[in-house]
Amino acid sequence: MEKRKFKINILDIVIFVVILCSVAVLVFRDTVNEIFAKPVITTVEITVFVNGEEECAAVSSLLDNNVVFVPDNKNDFTLNAKVVEFKAISDLHTEAKKGEVKIQLSGYKRLGRFYTEDGTRIYTDTECAFVVGEEKINGNLLNIGISG
């Protein structure tokens, strides 16, 4: 009986890699499309937790108004945003001391992350602020999502 040697040449390896890459692109086509396609600018909705009686009173008076939003207090980056909703979290017998504010701004989502219209990433669980005139209202960024 004759022994046969198993030979692999470069062309076989290239063909295998091409087939493997084609299958990977087919399986992950949504992710590949999201990487190479230009992002669609839409309305991003951000939920911010506000703590303090004065802050809650100030935010409740800002409904349907435009504010300057600072997504991270450590940076000087600011955005124009609109306050769309305020939900007070309080006892029945006291004024609102805690609340959640929903604001909207222009941005997009790419690979599960949210970005502003100019491409700056917005992170959750950061200290943020609203600036209205001279008044600065601090809070914590809880959640980010696409409005709709």
N, C-alpha and C. Protein backbone atom coordinates (compact mmCIF):
# COMPACT_ATOMS: atom_id res chain seq x y z
N MET A 1 0.82 -1.16 0.00
CA MET A 1 0.00 0.00 0.00
C MET A 1 0.88 1.25 0.00
N GLU A 2 0.44 2.21 -0.71
CA GLU A 2 1.21 3.44 -0.87
C GLU A 2 0.74 4.48 0.15
N LYS A 3 1.69 5.14 0.81
CA LYS A 3 1.38 6.20 1.76
C LYS A 3 1.23 7.51 1.02
N ARG A 4 0.17 8.22 1.34
CA ARG A 4 -0.06 9.52 0.71
C ARG A 4 0.19 10.60 1.76
N LYS A 5 0.90 11.62 1.36
CA LYS A 5 1.14 12.74 2.25
C LYS A 5 0.05 13.78 2.04
N PHE A 6 -0.42 14.32 3.14
CA PHE A 6 -1.44 15.37 3.07
C PHE A 6 -0.72 16.69 2.89
N LYS A 7 -0.99 17.37 1.79
CA LYS A 7 -0.33 18.63 1.50
C LYS A 7 -1.35 19.76 1.47
N ILE A 8 -0.98 20.84 2.08
CA ILE A 8 -1.79 22.05 2.03
C ILE A 8 -0.91 23.14 1.43
N ASN A 9 -1.41 23.72 0.40
CA ASN A 9 -0.62 24.82 -0.16
C ASN A 9 -1.32 26.15 0.15
N ILE A 10 -0.68 27.21 -0.23
CA ILE A 10 -1.16 28.56 0.08
C ILE A 10 -2.53 28.82 -0.53
N LEU A 11 -2.77 28.35 -1.72
CA LEU A 11 -4.06 28.58 -2.38
C LEU A 11 -5.21 27.94 -1.61
N ASP A 12 -5.01 26.78 -1.04
CA ASP A 12 -6.04 26.13 -0.23
C ASP A 12 -6.35 26.97 1.02
N ILE A 13 -5.33 27.50 1.64
CA ILE A 13 -5.52 28.32 2.83
C ILE A 13 -6.28 29.59 2.48
N VAL A 14 -5.94 30.23 1.37
CA VAL A 14 -6.62 31.45 0.95
C VAL A 14 -8.09 31.18 0.66
N ILE A 15 -8.38 30.09 -0.01
CA ILE A 15 -9.78 29.73 -0.31
C ILE A 15 -10.56 29.49 0.98
N PHE A 16 -9.95 28.80 1.94
CA PHE A 16 -10.61 28.54 3.21
C PHE A 16 -10.89 29.85 3.97
N VAL A 17 -9.93 30.75 3.99
CA VAL A 17 -10.10 32.03 4.68
C VAL A 17 -11.18 32.87 4.01
N VAL A 18 -11.24 32.87 2.68
CA VAL A 18 -12.27 33.63 1.97
C VAL A 18 -13.65 33.08 2.28
N ILE A 19 -13.80 31.79 2.31
CA ILE A 19 -15.10 31.18 2.63
C ILE A 19 -15.48 31.48 4.07
N LEU A 20 -14.52 31.40 4.98
CA LEU A 20 -14.78 31.69 6.38
C LEU A 20 -15.20 33.15 6.58
N CYS A 21 -14.53 34.06 5.92
CA CYS A 21 -14.89 35.49 6.02
C CYS A 21 -16.26 35.76 5.41
N SER A 22 -16.59 35.09 4.31
CA SER A 22 -17.90 35.28 3.69
C SER A 22 -19.02 34.82 4.62
N VAL A 23 -18.82 33.71 5.28
CA VAL A 23 -19.83 33.22 6.23
C VAL A 23 -19.95 34.17 7.41
N ALA A 24 -18.83 34.69 7.92
CA ALA A 24 -18.86 35.62 9.05
C ALA A 24 -19.59 36.91 8.66
N VAL A 25 -19.35 37.42 7.47
CA VAL A 25 -20.04 38.64 7.02
C VAL A 25 -21.53 38.37 6.87
N LEU A 26 -21.89 37.20 6.39
CA LEU A 26 -23.30 36.86 6.25
C LEU A 26 -24.00 36.77 7.61
N VAL A 27 -23.33 36.14 8.57
CA VAL A 27 -23.93 35.98 9.89
C VAL A 27 -24.02 37.32 10.63
N PHE A 28 -22.98 38.14 10.53
CA PHE A 28 -22.93 39.41 11.25
C PHE A 28 -23.17 40.60 10.32
N ARG A 29 -24.06 40.47 9.36
CA ARG A 29 -24.27 41.52 8.35
C ARG A 29 -24.83 42.81 8.95
N ASP A 30 -25.65 42.72 9.99
CA ASP A 30 -26.18 43.94 10.62
C ASP A 30 -25.07 44.74 11.29
N THR A 31 -24.18 44.06 11.98
CA THR A 31 -23.07 44.73 12.64
C THR A 31 -22.11 45.32 11.61
N VAL A 32 -21.81 44.57 10.57
CA VAL A 32 -20.92 45.06 9.51
C VAL A 32 -21.53 46.27 8.83
N ASN A 33 -22.83 46.23 8.56
CA ASN A 33 -23.51 47.37 7.94
C ASN A 33 -23.47 48.59 8.85
N GLU A 34 -23.65 48.37 10.15
CA GLU A 34 -23.64 49.48 11.10
C GLU A 34 -22.25 50.12 11.20
N ILE A 35 -21.20 49.33 11.04
CA ILE A 35 -19.83 49.85 11.11
C ILE A 35 -19.53 50.74 9.90
N PHE A 36 -19.91 50.31 8.72
CA PHE A 36 -19.51 51.01 7.50
C PHE A 36 -20.53 52.04 7.00
N ALA A 37 -21.77 51.96 7.46
CA ALA A 37 -22.80 52.90 7.01
C ALA A 37 -22.69 54.21 7.78
N LYS A 38 -23.11 55.28 7.15
CA LYS A 38 -23.14 56.58 7.82
C LYS A 38 -24.28 56.57 8.84
N PRO A 39 -24.04 57.05 10.06
CA PRO A 39 -25.10 56.99 11.08
C PRO A 39 -26.26 57.92 10.75
N VAL A 40 -27.45 57.48 11.12
CA VAL A 40 -28.66 58.26 10.92
C VAL A 40 -28.90 59.08 12.18
N ILE A 41 -28.91 60.39 12.03
CA ILE A 41 -29.13 61.29 13.17
C ILE A 41 -30.61 61.24 13.55
N THR A 42 -30.86 61.01 14.83
CA THR A 42 -32.22 60.91 15.33
C THR A 42 -32.29 61.60 16.70
N THR A 43 -33.42 61.48 17.35
CA THR A 43 -33.59 62.08 18.68
C THR A 43 -33.22 61.06 19.75
N VAL A 44 -32.26 61.42 20.58
CA VAL A 44 -31.82 60.57 21.68
C VAL A 44 -32.47 61.09 22.95
N GLU A 45 -33.02 60.16 23.74
CA GLU A 45 -33.69 60.53 24.99
C GLU A 45 -32.83 60.07 26.17
N ILE A 46 -32.55 61.00 27.06
CA ILE A 46 -31.68 60.73 28.21
C ILE A 46 -32.48 60.92 29.49
N THR A 47 -32.33 59.98 30.43
CA THR A 47 -32.99 60.08 31.74
C THR A 47 -31.93 60.44 32.78
N VAL A 48 -32.21 61.50 33.53
CA VAL A 48 -31.28 62.00 34.54
C VAL A 48 -31.97 61.98 35.90
N PHE A 49 -31.27 61.47 36.92
CA PHE A 49 -31.79 61.46 38.29
C PHE A 49 -31.35 62.75 38.98
N VAL A 50 -32.31 63.46 39.56
CA VAL A 50 -32.04 64.73 40.25
C VAL A 50 -32.39 64.54 41.72
N ASN A 51 -31.48 64.97 42.60
CA ASN A 51 -31.67 64.81 44.04
C ASN A 51 -31.62 66.18 44.70
N GLY A 52 -32.67 66.53 45.42
CA GLY A 52 -32.72 67.80 46.15
C GLY A 52 -34.00 68.55 45.84
N GLU A 53 -34.56 69.17 46.87
CA GLU A 53 -35.84 69.87 46.73
C GLU A 53 -35.74 71.07 45.79
N GLU A 54 -34.65 71.85 45.90
CA GLU A 54 -34.48 73.02 45.04
C GLU A 54 -34.29 72.61 43.58
N GLU A 55 -33.50 71.56 43.38
CA GLU A 55 -33.25 71.08 42.03
C GLU A 55 -34.54 70.59 41.36
N CYS A 56 -35.35 69.85 42.13
CA CYS A 56 -36.61 69.34 41.58
C CYS A 56 -37.56 70.48 41.22
N ALA A 57 -37.63 71.48 42.08
CA ALA A 57 -38.49 72.63 41.80
C ALA A 57 -38.01 73.38 40.56
N ALA A 58 -36.70 73.52 40.42
CA ALA A 58 -36.15 74.23 39.26
C ALA A 58 -36.39 73.45 37.97
N VAL A 59 -36.23 72.13 38.00
CA VAL A 59 -36.41 71.31 36.80
C VAL A 59 -37.88 71.26 36.40
N SER A 60 -38.79 71.20 37.37
CA SER A 60 -40.21 71.14 37.03
C SER A 60 -40.68 72.40 36.32
N SER A 61 -39.99 73.51 36.56
CA SER A 61 -40.36 74.75 35.86
C SER A 61 -39.73 74.84 34.46
N LEU A 62 -38.87 73.89 34.11
CA LEU A 62 -38.17 73.91 32.82
C LEU A 62 -38.84 73.06 31.74
N LEU A 63 -39.99 72.47 32.02
CA LEU A 63 -40.63 71.58 31.05
C LEU A 63 -40.85 72.29 29.72
N ASP A 64 -40.55 71.59 28.62
CA ASP A 64 -40.67 72.08 27.25
C ASP A 64 -39.78 73.28 26.96
N ASN A 65 -38.71 73.45 27.73
CA ASN A 65 -37.75 74.52 27.50
C ASN A 65 -36.42 73.94 27.05
N ASN A 66 -35.68 74.73 26.29
CA ASN A 66 -34.34 74.35 25.89
C ASN A 66 -33.35 74.70 27.00
N VAL A 67 -32.40 73.78 27.24
CA VAL A 67 -31.38 73.98 28.27
C VAL A 67 -30.03 73.62 27.68
N VAL A 68 -28.99 74.01 28.37
CA VAL A 68 -27.64 73.56 28.03
C VAL A 68 -27.36 72.35 28.91
N PHE A 69 -27.03 71.23 28.28
CA PHE A 69 -26.81 69.98 29.00
C PHE A 69 -25.32 69.66 29.01
N VAL A 70 -24.79 69.36 30.19
CA VAL A 70 -23.39 68.96 30.35
C VAL A 70 -23.38 67.47 30.67
N PRO A 71 -23.06 66.60 29.69
CA PRO A 71 -23.16 65.15 29.93
C PRO A 71 -22.15 64.60 30.93
N ASP A 72 -21.05 65.30 31.17
CA ASP A 72 -20.06 64.84 32.13
C ASP A 72 -19.46 66.07 32.80
N ASN A 73 -19.61 66.17 34.12
CA ASN A 73 -19.13 67.35 34.84
C ASN A 73 -17.61 67.51 34.82
N LYS A 74 -16.89 66.44 34.47
CA LYS A 74 -15.43 66.50 34.43
C LYS A 74 -14.92 67.20 33.16
N ASN A 75 -15.75 67.29 32.13
CA ASN A 75 -15.36 67.91 30.87
C ASN A 75 -16.13 69.19 30.67
N ASP A 76 -15.65 70.04 29.77
CA ASP A 76 -16.33 71.29 29.47
C ASP A 76 -17.28 71.16 28.29
N PHE A 77 -17.58 69.95 27.87
CA PHE A 77 -18.42 69.69 26.70
C PHE A 77 -19.88 69.95 27.05
N THR A 78 -20.57 70.76 26.22
CA THR A 78 -21.98 71.07 26.45
C THR A 78 -22.81 70.77 25.21
N LEU A 79 -24.10 70.54 25.42
CA LEU A 79 -25.04 70.23 24.34
C LEU A 79 -26.31 71.05 24.54
N ASN A 80 -26.99 71.33 23.46
CA ASN A 80 -28.32 71.92 23.55
C ASN A 80 -29.33 70.80 23.63
N ALA A 81 -30.22 70.87 24.58
CA ALA A 81 -31.20 69.82 24.79
C ALA A 81 -32.54 70.44 25.18
N LYS A 82 -33.57 69.60 25.18
CA LYS A 82 -34.91 70.05 25.55
C LYS A 82 -35.45 69.16 26.65
N VAL A 83 -35.94 69.77 27.72
CA VAL A 83 -36.54 69.03 28.83
C VAL A 83 -37.96 68.65 28.41
N VAL A 84 -38.27 67.35 28.41
CA VAL A 84 -39.59 66.91 27.94
C VAL A 84 -40.47 66.34 29.04
N GLU A 85 -39.86 65.87 30.13
CA GLU A 85 -40.69 65.26 31.18
C GLU A 85 -39.95 65.32 32.51
N PHE A 86 -40.72 65.50 33.59
CA PHE A 86 -40.19 65.42 34.95
C PHE A 86 -41.12 64.56 35.77
N LYS A 87 -40.57 63.51 36.39
CA LYS A 87 -41.36 62.62 37.22
C LYS A 87 -40.80 62.67 38.64
N ALA A 88 -41.61 63.19 39.57
CA ALA A 88 -41.18 63.33 40.96
C ALA A 88 -41.24 61.99 41.67
N ILE A 89 -40.26 61.75 42.51
CA ILE A 89 -40.23 60.56 43.36
C ILE A 89 -40.24 61.08 44.79
N SER A 90 -41.38 60.97 45.47
CA SER A 90 -41.47 61.55 46.82
C SER A 90 -42.53 60.83 47.63
N ASP A 91 -42.55 61.19 48.92
CA ASP A 91 -43.62 60.72 49.79
C ASP A 91 -44.87 61.53 49.49
N LEU A 92 -46.01 61.07 49.94
CA LEU A 92 -47.26 61.78 49.69
C LEU A 92 -47.36 63.10 50.44
N HIS A 93 -46.70 63.22 51.60
CA HIS A 93 -46.88 64.38 52.46
C HIS A 93 -45.77 65.43 52.33
N THR A 94 -44.82 65.20 51.47
CA THR A 94 -43.70 66.15 51.36
C THR A 94 -43.54 66.62 49.93
N GLU A 95 -42.76 67.66 49.77
CA GLU A 95 -42.42 68.14 48.43
C GLU A 95 -41.47 67.14 47.77
N ALA A 96 -41.39 67.21 46.46
CA ALA A 96 -40.50 66.31 45.72
C ALA A 96 -39.05 66.60 46.08
N LYS A 97 -38.35 65.58 46.55
CA LYS A 97 -36.94 65.73 46.89
C LYS A 97 -36.06 64.96 45.92
N LYS A 98 -36.68 64.10 45.14
CA LYS A 98 -35.96 63.33 44.13
C LYS A 98 -36.84 63.27 42.89
N GLY A 99 -36.20 63.12 41.75
CA GLY A 99 -36.99 63.03 40.54
C GLY A 99 -36.17 62.56 39.35
N GLU A 100 -36.87 62.21 38.30
CA GLU A 100 -36.24 61.80 37.05
C GLU A 100 -36.65 62.76 35.95
N VAL A 101 -35.67 63.25 35.22
CA VAL A 101 -35.89 64.21 34.15
C VAL A 101 -35.55 63.53 32.83
N LYS A 102 -36.44 63.68 31.84
CA LYS A 102 -36.14 63.17 30.50
C LYS A 102 -35.85 64.36 29.60
N ILE A 103 -34.72 64.29 28.93
CA ILE A 103 -34.37 65.33 27.98
C ILE A 103 -34.12 64.70 26.62
N GLN A 104 -34.25 65.50 25.57
CA GLN A 104 -34.03 65.02 24.21
C GLN A 104 -32.98 65.89 23.54
N LEU A 105 -32.14 65.24 22.73
CA LEU A 105 -31.14 65.93 21.95
C LEU A 105 -30.86 65.14 20.68
N SER A 106 -30.16 65.74 19.74
CA SER A 106 -29.84 65.06 18.48
C SER A 106 -28.62 64.17 18.67
N GLY A 107 -28.69 62.96 18.12
CA GLY A 107 -27.57 62.03 18.22
C GLY A 107 -27.88 60.76 17.45
N TYR A 108 -27.07 59.73 17.70
CA TYR A 108 -27.27 58.45 17.02
C TYR A 108 -26.73 57.32 17.88
N LYS A 109 -27.11 56.10 17.50
CA LYS A 109 -26.66 54.90 18.18
C LYS A 109 -25.83 54.08 17.20
N ARG A 110 -24.67 53.64 17.66
CA ARG A 110 -23.81 52.80 16.83
C ARG A 110 -23.19 51.74 17.72
N LEU A 111 -23.38 50.47 17.35
CA LEU A 111 -22.82 49.32 18.06
C LEU A 111 -23.19 49.33 19.54
N GLY A 112 -24.44 49.73 19.84
CA GLY A 112 -24.93 49.71 21.21
C GLY A 112 -24.50 50.88 22.06
N ARG A 113 -23.78 51.83 21.46
CA ARG A 113 -23.33 53.02 22.18
C ARG A 113 -24.01 54.24 21.59
N PHE A 114 -24.17 55.26 22.42
CA PHE A 114 -24.85 56.47 21.98
C PHE A 114 -23.86 57.61 21.82
N TYR A 115 -24.08 58.40 20.76
CA TYR A 115 -23.18 59.49 20.43
C TYR A 115 -24.00 60.75 20.15
N THR A 116 -23.37 61.91 20.33
CA THR A 116 -24.01 63.16 19.96
C THR A 116 -23.93 63.32 18.46
N GLU A 117 -24.54 64.36 17.96
CA GLU A 117 -24.57 64.59 16.52
C GLU A 117 -23.16 64.77 15.94
N ASP A 118 -22.25 65.32 16.71
CA ASP A 118 -20.89 65.53 16.22
C ASP A 118 -19.94 64.37 16.53
N GLY A 119 -20.45 63.27 17.12
CA GLY A 119 -19.65 62.07 17.31
C GLY A 119 -19.06 61.87 18.69
N THR A 120 -19.39 62.69 19.65
CA THR A 120 -18.89 62.53 21.01
C THR A 120 -19.75 61.51 21.74
N ARG A 121 -19.11 60.55 22.38
CA ARG A 121 -19.85 59.49 23.07
C ARG A 121 -20.47 60.00 24.35
N ILE A 122 -21.69 59.53 24.64
CA ILE A 122 -22.39 59.85 25.88
C ILE A 122 -22.39 58.60 26.75
N TYR A 123 -21.90 58.73 27.96
CA TYR A 123 -21.79 57.60 28.89
C TYR A 123 -22.91 57.65 29.92
N THR A 124 -23.37 56.47 30.34
CA THR A 124 -24.32 56.41 31.45
C THR A 124 -23.54 56.37 32.76
N ASP A 125 -24.25 56.52 33.86
CA ASP A 125 -23.67 56.48 35.22
C ASP A 125 -22.59 57.54 35.41
N THR A 126 -22.82 58.73 34.87
CA THR A 126 -21.89 59.84 35.08
C THR A 126 -22.64 60.99 35.74
N GLU A 127 -21.91 61.86 36.40
CA GLU A 127 -22.50 63.06 36.95
C GLU A 127 -22.65 64.08 35.84
N CYS A 128 -23.85 64.62 35.70
CA CYS A 128 -24.13 65.57 34.63
C CYS A 128 -24.82 66.80 35.23
N ALA A 129 -25.15 67.75 34.35
CA ALA A 129 -25.78 68.98 34.85
C ALA A 129 -26.60 69.63 33.74
N PHE A 130 -27.57 70.44 34.17
CA PHE A 130 -28.33 71.34 33.29
C PHE A 130 -27.91 72.75 33.65
N VAL A 131 -27.75 73.58 32.66
CA VAL A 131 -27.43 74.97 32.92
C VAL A 131 -28.52 75.82 32.29
N VAL A 132 -29.19 76.62 33.13
CA VAL A 132 -30.21 77.53 32.66
C VAL A 132 -29.86 78.90 33.21
N GLY A 133 -29.42 79.78 32.32
CA GLY A 133 -28.98 81.09 32.77
C GLY A 133 -27.76 80.94 33.67
N GLU A 134 -27.89 81.38 34.91
CA GLU A 134 -26.81 81.25 35.89
C GLU A 134 -26.97 80.03 36.79
N GLU A 135 -28.12 79.38 36.70
CA GLU A 135 -28.44 78.25 37.59
C GLU A 135 -27.94 76.94 37.00
N LYS A 136 -27.24 76.16 37.83
CA LYS A 136 -26.73 74.85 37.42
C LYS A 136 -27.37 73.78 38.28
N ILE A 137 -28.00 72.81 37.64
CA ILE A 137 -28.71 71.73 38.33
C ILE A 137 -27.95 70.44 38.09
N ASN A 138 -27.41 69.84 39.14
CA ASN A 138 -26.62 68.61 39.02
C ASN A 138 -27.51 67.39 39.12
N GLY A 139 -27.07 66.30 38.47
CA GLY A 139 -27.79 65.03 38.52
C GLY A 139 -26.90 63.90 38.08
N ASN A 140 -27.47 62.70 38.00
CA ASN A 140 -26.76 61.51 37.52
C ASN A 140 -27.45 60.97 36.28
N LEU A 141 -26.69 60.73 35.24
CA LEU A 141 -27.24 60.21 34.00
C LEU A 141 -27.54 58.73 34.17
N LEU A 142 -28.82 58.36 34.10
CA LEU A 142 -29.22 56.98 34.36
C LEU A 142 -29.33 56.13 33.11
N ASN A 143 -29.98 56.66 32.08
CA ASN A 143 -30.35 55.83 30.95
C ASN A 143 -30.32 56.65 29.67
N ILE A 144 -29.97 55.99 28.56
CA ILE A 144 -29.97 56.62 27.25
C ILE A 144 -30.74 55.69 26.31
N GLY A 145 -31.56 56.29 25.44
CA GLY A 145 -32.30 55.51 24.46
C GLY A 145 -32.71 56.36 23.28
N ILE A 146 -33.22 55.70 22.27
CA ILE A 146 -33.72 56.38 21.09
C ILE A 146 -35.18 56.75 21.33
N SER A 147 -35.54 57.99 21.09
CA SER A 147 -36.91 58.45 21.32
C SER A 147 -37.81 57.91 20.22
N GLY A 148 -38.97 57.53 20.60
CA GLY A 148 -39.89 57.07 19.56
C GLY A 148 -40.86 56.13 20.01
